[in-house]
Amino acid sequence: MAADELSRQQQLAFHRRIVSNDPTAFAELCEIALPHLITFLEQAFPGQDAHQRETIAIDILLDYRRRTDQFDPKRLSLFAYLRMAAKYDMLNLIRKNQRRERHLEPIDGEFVELSESDGNQYRREETLQEWVEQYTDLSLREIFVEVETQLEDPEAQVLVMMLERVRSTAEYAEVLGITQLDETSQRREVKRVKDRIMKRLERLGKRIRTYP
């Protein structure tokens, strides 16, 4: 938790006040959350325009206020939810700018080694951004909200880590509660959970594509 971040209990208290239409709650939250989000975006995207970072931070807070029902405090803290939304709105903006400039390569593509059962080959790991482009015109944030509501812990936590580009098998093993397994078994189980999540993403995508 960052130094300027409220405790989870304090964040939940703000959310409850906002949902109950407390007249001062949202303004009080913004005084703390806005600089927190701007600092987060500065650190995550130092090369982006400062005005764009500030605009996204403001828009995220306003959107949260309009659609508080999309935030589930049982899954994430409020600040984690806002940071996630800000990050993927910024990635979406970068993607649009790249398209405008005819630079269509993925922003954060990586190559990963598959397990021995897959022939020890290398493949491109499909990022959520690439999946969105393939299956739907929704924004990354909208996709996250759609999918996150369908997952239970610990899969919901694994999805968040995937979105944050966590690479450490040990970190996933900790969340999944399989630290007692050997490294090979941990890697196999983590891959199994990730594959299951990706299948859910694919099914969601096919459903979204059928929307009128």
Protein backbone atom coordinates (compact mmCIF):
# COMPACT_ATOMS: atom_id res chain seq x y z
CA MET A 1 0.00 0.00 0.00
CA ALA A 2 1.41 3.38 -0.99
CA ALA A 3 2.15 5.95 1.68
CA ASP A 4 -0.68 8.21 0.48
CA GLU A 5 -3.18 5.36 0.21
CA LEU A 6 -5.95 5.01 2.76
CA SER A 7 -6.48 1.71 4.53
CA ARG A 8 -8.93 -0.66 2.90
CA GLN A 9 -11.41 -0.01 5.69
CA GLN A 10 -11.20 3.76 5.10
CA GLN A 11 -11.67 3.27 1.38
CA LEU A 12 -14.73 1.11 1.99
CA ALA A 13 -16.13 3.76 4.34
CA PHE A 14 -15.80 6.37 1.58
CA HIS A 15 -17.53 4.07 -0.90
CA ARG A 16 -20.42 3.44 1.45
CA ARG A 17 -20.84 7.17 2.10
CA ILE A 18 -20.85 7.89 -1.63
CA VAL A 19 -23.37 5.16 -2.35
CA SER A 20 -25.62 6.56 0.38
CA ASN A 21 -25.38 10.03 -1.27
CA ASP A 22 -23.39 11.71 1.48
CA PRO A 23 -23.09 15.28 0.04
CA THR A 24 -19.41 15.73 0.92
CA ALA A 25 -18.03 12.21 0.56
CA PHE A 26 -17.05 12.31 -3.12
CA ALA A 27 -15.30 15.66 -2.84
CA GLU A 28 -13.38 14.41 0.19
CA LEU A 29 -12.39 11.25 -1.67
CA CYS A 30 -11.17 13.26 -4.66
CA GLU A 31 -8.88 15.35 -2.47
CA ILE A 32 -7.00 12.17 -1.61
CA ALA A 33 -7.56 9.93 -4.62
CA LEU A 34 -6.86 12.44 -7.41
CA PRO A 35 -3.24 13.18 -6.47
CA HIS A 36 -2.78 9.46 -5.75
CA LEU A 37 -3.92 8.52 -9.27
CA ILE A 38 -1.88 11.26 -10.92
CA THR A 39 1.25 10.10 -9.09
CA PHE A 40 0.51 6.50 -10.05
CA LEU A 41 0.15 7.44 -13.73
CA GLU A 42 3.32 9.56 -13.60
CA GLN A 43 5.26 6.56 -12.33
CA ALA A 44 3.63 4.05 -14.68
CA PHE A 45 3.68 6.26 -17.80
CA PRO A 46 6.44 8.88 -17.37
CA GLY A 47 6.66 9.49 -21.11
CA GLN A 48 3.02 10.47 -21.54
CA ASP A 49 1.64 13.99 -21.54
CA ALA A 50 0.99 15.33 -18.03
CA HIS A 51 -2.35 16.84 -19.09
CA GLN A 52 -3.50 13.46 -20.44
CA ARG A 53 -2.54 11.76 -17.20
CA GLU A 54 -4.48 14.31 -15.17
CA THR A 55 -7.50 14.11 -17.48
CA ILE A 56 -7.62 10.33 -17.18
CA ALA A 57 -7.37 10.51 -13.39
CA ILE A 58 -10.27 12.98 -13.24
CA ASP A 59 -12.37 10.97 -15.70
CA ILE A 60 -11.81 7.77 -13.71
CA LEU A 61 -13.12 9.39 -10.53
CA LEU A 62 -16.13 10.90 -12.30
CA ASP A 63 -16.93 7.60 -13.96
CA TYR A 64 -16.70 5.81 -10.62
CA ARG A 65 -19.13 8.35 -9.15
CA ARG A 66 -21.59 7.79 -12.01
CA ARG A 67 -21.34 4.00 -11.86
CA THR A 68 -20.53 3.03 -8.30
CA ASP A 69 -22.32 -0.30 -8.83
CA GLN A 70 -19.45 -1.50 -11.04
CA PHE A 71 -17.08 -1.49 -8.08
CA ASP A 72 -17.21 -4.64 -5.93
CA PRO A 73 -15.43 -4.02 -2.60
CA LYS A 74 -15.31 -7.76 -1.94
CA ARG A 75 -12.84 -8.21 -4.80
CA LEU A 76 -10.59 -5.16 -4.76
CA SER A 77 -9.92 -2.12 -2.62
CA LEU A 78 -11.33 1.11 -4.07
CA PHE A 79 -7.90 2.59 -4.82
CA ALA A 80 -6.77 -0.64 -6.53
CA TYR A 81 -9.92 -0.51 -8.68
CA LEU A 82 -9.28 3.13 -9.59
CA ARG A 83 -5.62 2.46 -10.41
CA MET A 84 -6.58 -0.48 -12.59
CA ALA A 85 -9.12 1.62 -14.46
CA ALA A 86 -6.63 4.47 -14.89
CA LYS A 87 -3.89 2.17 -16.15
CA TYR A 88 -6.04 0.55 -18.79
CA ASP A 89 -7.63 3.79 -19.90
CA MET A 90 -4.11 5.11 -20.46
CA LEU A 91 -3.14 1.95 -22.35
CA ASN A 92 -6.28 2.33 -24.44
CA LEU A 93 -5.35 5.94 -25.22
CA ILE A 94 -1.83 4.93 -26.18
CA ARG A 95 -3.22 2.22 -28.45
CA LYS A 96 -5.51 4.73 -30.17
CA ASN A 97 -2.62 7.15 -30.64
CA GLN A 98 -0.48 4.38 -32.08
CA ARG A 99 -3.21 3.49 -34.54
CA ARG A 100 -3.53 7.12 -35.50
CA GLU A 101 0.17 7.18 -36.21
CA ARG A 102 -0.08 3.81 -38.02
CA HIS A 103 2.10 2.11 -35.42
CA LEU A 104 0.04 -0.98 -34.79
CA GLU A 105 2.52 -3.17 -32.90
CA PRO A 106 1.42 -4.28 -29.38
CA ILE A 107 2.47 -1.99 -26.55
CA ASP A 108 3.68 -4.57 -24.09
CA GLY A 109 4.11 -7.86 -25.97
CA GLU A 110 6.41 -10.41 -24.37
CA PHE A 111 7.72 -13.87 -25.21
CA VAL A 112 7.41 -16.61 -22.62
CA GLU A 113 8.66 -20.17 -22.36
CA LEU A 114 5.98 -22.84 -22.22
CA SER A 115 6.12 -25.83 -19.92
CA GLU A 116 7.87 -29.05 -20.93
CA SER A 117 4.52 -30.66 -21.72
CA ASP A 118 4.13 -28.10 -24.51
CA GLY A 119 7.36 -29.14 -26.17
CA ASN A 120 9.45 -26.43 -24.54
CA GLN A 121 8.58 -24.08 -27.41
CA TYR A 122 8.29 -20.31 -27.34
CA ARG A 123 5.15 -18.45 -28.25
CA ARG A 124 3.76 -14.96 -27.96
CA GLU A 125 1.69 -14.55 -24.84
CA GLU A 126 -1.64 -13.01 -25.75
CA THR A 127 -2.06 -9.80 -23.80
CA LEU A 128 -5.47 -8.55 -22.76
CA GLN A 129 -5.04 -5.68 -25.18
CA GLU A 130 -4.55 -8.07 -28.10
CA TRP A 131 -7.56 -10.11 -26.97
CA VAL A 132 -9.73 -6.97 -26.85
CA GLU A 133 -8.69 -6.03 -30.38
CA GLN A 134 -9.52 -9.52 -31.61
CA TYR A 135 -12.89 -10.02 -29.97
CA THR A 136 -14.56 -6.70 -29.22
CA ASP A 137 -14.58 -2.93 -29.57
CA LEU A 138 -14.99 -2.41 -25.83
CA SER A 139 -12.30 -0.58 -23.87
CA LEU A 140 -9.84 -2.47 -21.68
CA ARG A 141 -11.58 -1.11 -18.59
CA GLU A 142 -15.00 -2.28 -19.78
CA ILE A 143 -13.59 -5.72 -20.49
CA PHE A 144 -12.03 -5.86 -17.03
CA VAL A 145 -15.35 -4.98 -15.39
CA GLU A 146 -17.19 -7.62 -17.45
CA VAL A 147 -14.72 -10.40 -16.68
CA GLU A 148 -13.88 -9.54 -13.09
CA THR A 149 -17.52 -9.86 -12.04
CA GLN A 150 -17.54 -13.47 -13.30
CA LEU A 151 -14.50 -14.68 -11.36
CA GLU A 152 -14.23 -15.78 -7.76
CA ASP A 153 -11.08 -15.58 -5.67
CA PRO A 154 -8.36 -16.65 -6.16
CA GLU A 155 -8.96 -16.48 -9.93
CA ALA A 156 -10.00 -12.83 -9.63
CA GLN A 157 -6.69 -12.07 -7.94
CA VAL A 158 -4.81 -13.98 -10.63
CA LEU A 159 -6.58 -11.94 -13.31
CA VAL A 160 -5.52 -8.71 -11.62
CA MET A 161 -1.92 -9.96 -11.52
CA MET A 162 -2.10 -10.93 -15.20
CA LEU A 163 -3.36 -7.45 -16.04
CA GLU A 164 -0.51 -6.00 -14.01
CA ARG A 165 1.93 -8.18 -16.03
CA VAL A 166 3.23 -10.08 -12.99
CA ARG A 167 5.73 -12.68 -14.22
CA SER A 168 6.82 -14.42 -11.01
CA THR A 169 5.48 -17.95 -10.56
CA ALA A 170 6.15 -17.63 -6.83
CA GLU A 171 3.79 -14.64 -6.54
CA TYR A 172 1.00 -16.55 -8.30
CA ALA A 173 1.70 -19.61 -6.13
CA GLU A 174 1.27 -17.48 -3.01
CA VAL A 175 -2.14 -16.24 -4.16
CA LEU A 176 -3.25 -19.73 -5.19
CA GLY A 177 -2.05 -21.26 -1.92
CA ILE A 178 0.24 -23.81 -3.56
CA THR A 179 3.60 -22.75 -2.13
CA GLN A 180 4.03 -26.23 -0.66
CA LEU A 181 4.42 -27.66 -4.18
CA ASP A 182 7.76 -27.92 -5.95
CA GLU A 183 8.63 -25.30 -8.57
CA THR A 184 7.67 -27.46 -11.56
CA SER A 185 4.28 -28.29 -10.04
CA GLN A 186 3.69 -24.64 -9.16
CA ARG A 187 4.44 -23.57 -12.73
CA ARG A 188 2.08 -26.23 -14.09
CA GLU A 189 -0.77 -25.24 -11.76
CA VAL A 190 -0.32 -21.51 -12.44
CA LYS A 191 -0.44 -22.18 -16.19
CA ARG A 192 -3.61 -24.26 -15.73
CA VAL A 193 -5.36 -21.41 -13.88
CA LYS A 194 -4.21 -18.82 -16.42
CA ASP A 195 -5.44 -21.01 -19.30
CA ARG A 196 -8.82 -21.39 -17.60
CA ILE A 197 -9.11 -17.61 -17.25
CA MET A 198 -8.17 -17.10 -20.91
CA LYS A 199 -10.88 -19.55 -21.96
CA ARG A 200 -13.39 -17.47 -20.00
CA LEU A 201 -12.13 -14.38 -21.79
CA GLU A 202 -12.59 -16.09 -25.14
CA ARG A 203 -16.15 -17.13 -24.29
CA LEU A 204 -16.94 -13.61 -23.12
CA GLY A 205 -15.52 -12.20 -26.33
CA LYS A 206 -17.66 -14.43 -28.49
CA ARG A 207 -20.73 -13.39 -26.48
CA ILE A 208 -19.87 -9.69 -26.76
CA ARG A 209 -19.40 -9.99 -30.52
CA THR A 210 -22.99 -11.16 -30.86
CA TYR A 211 -24.38 -8.07 -29.17
CA PRO A 212 -26.44 -5.88 -31.59
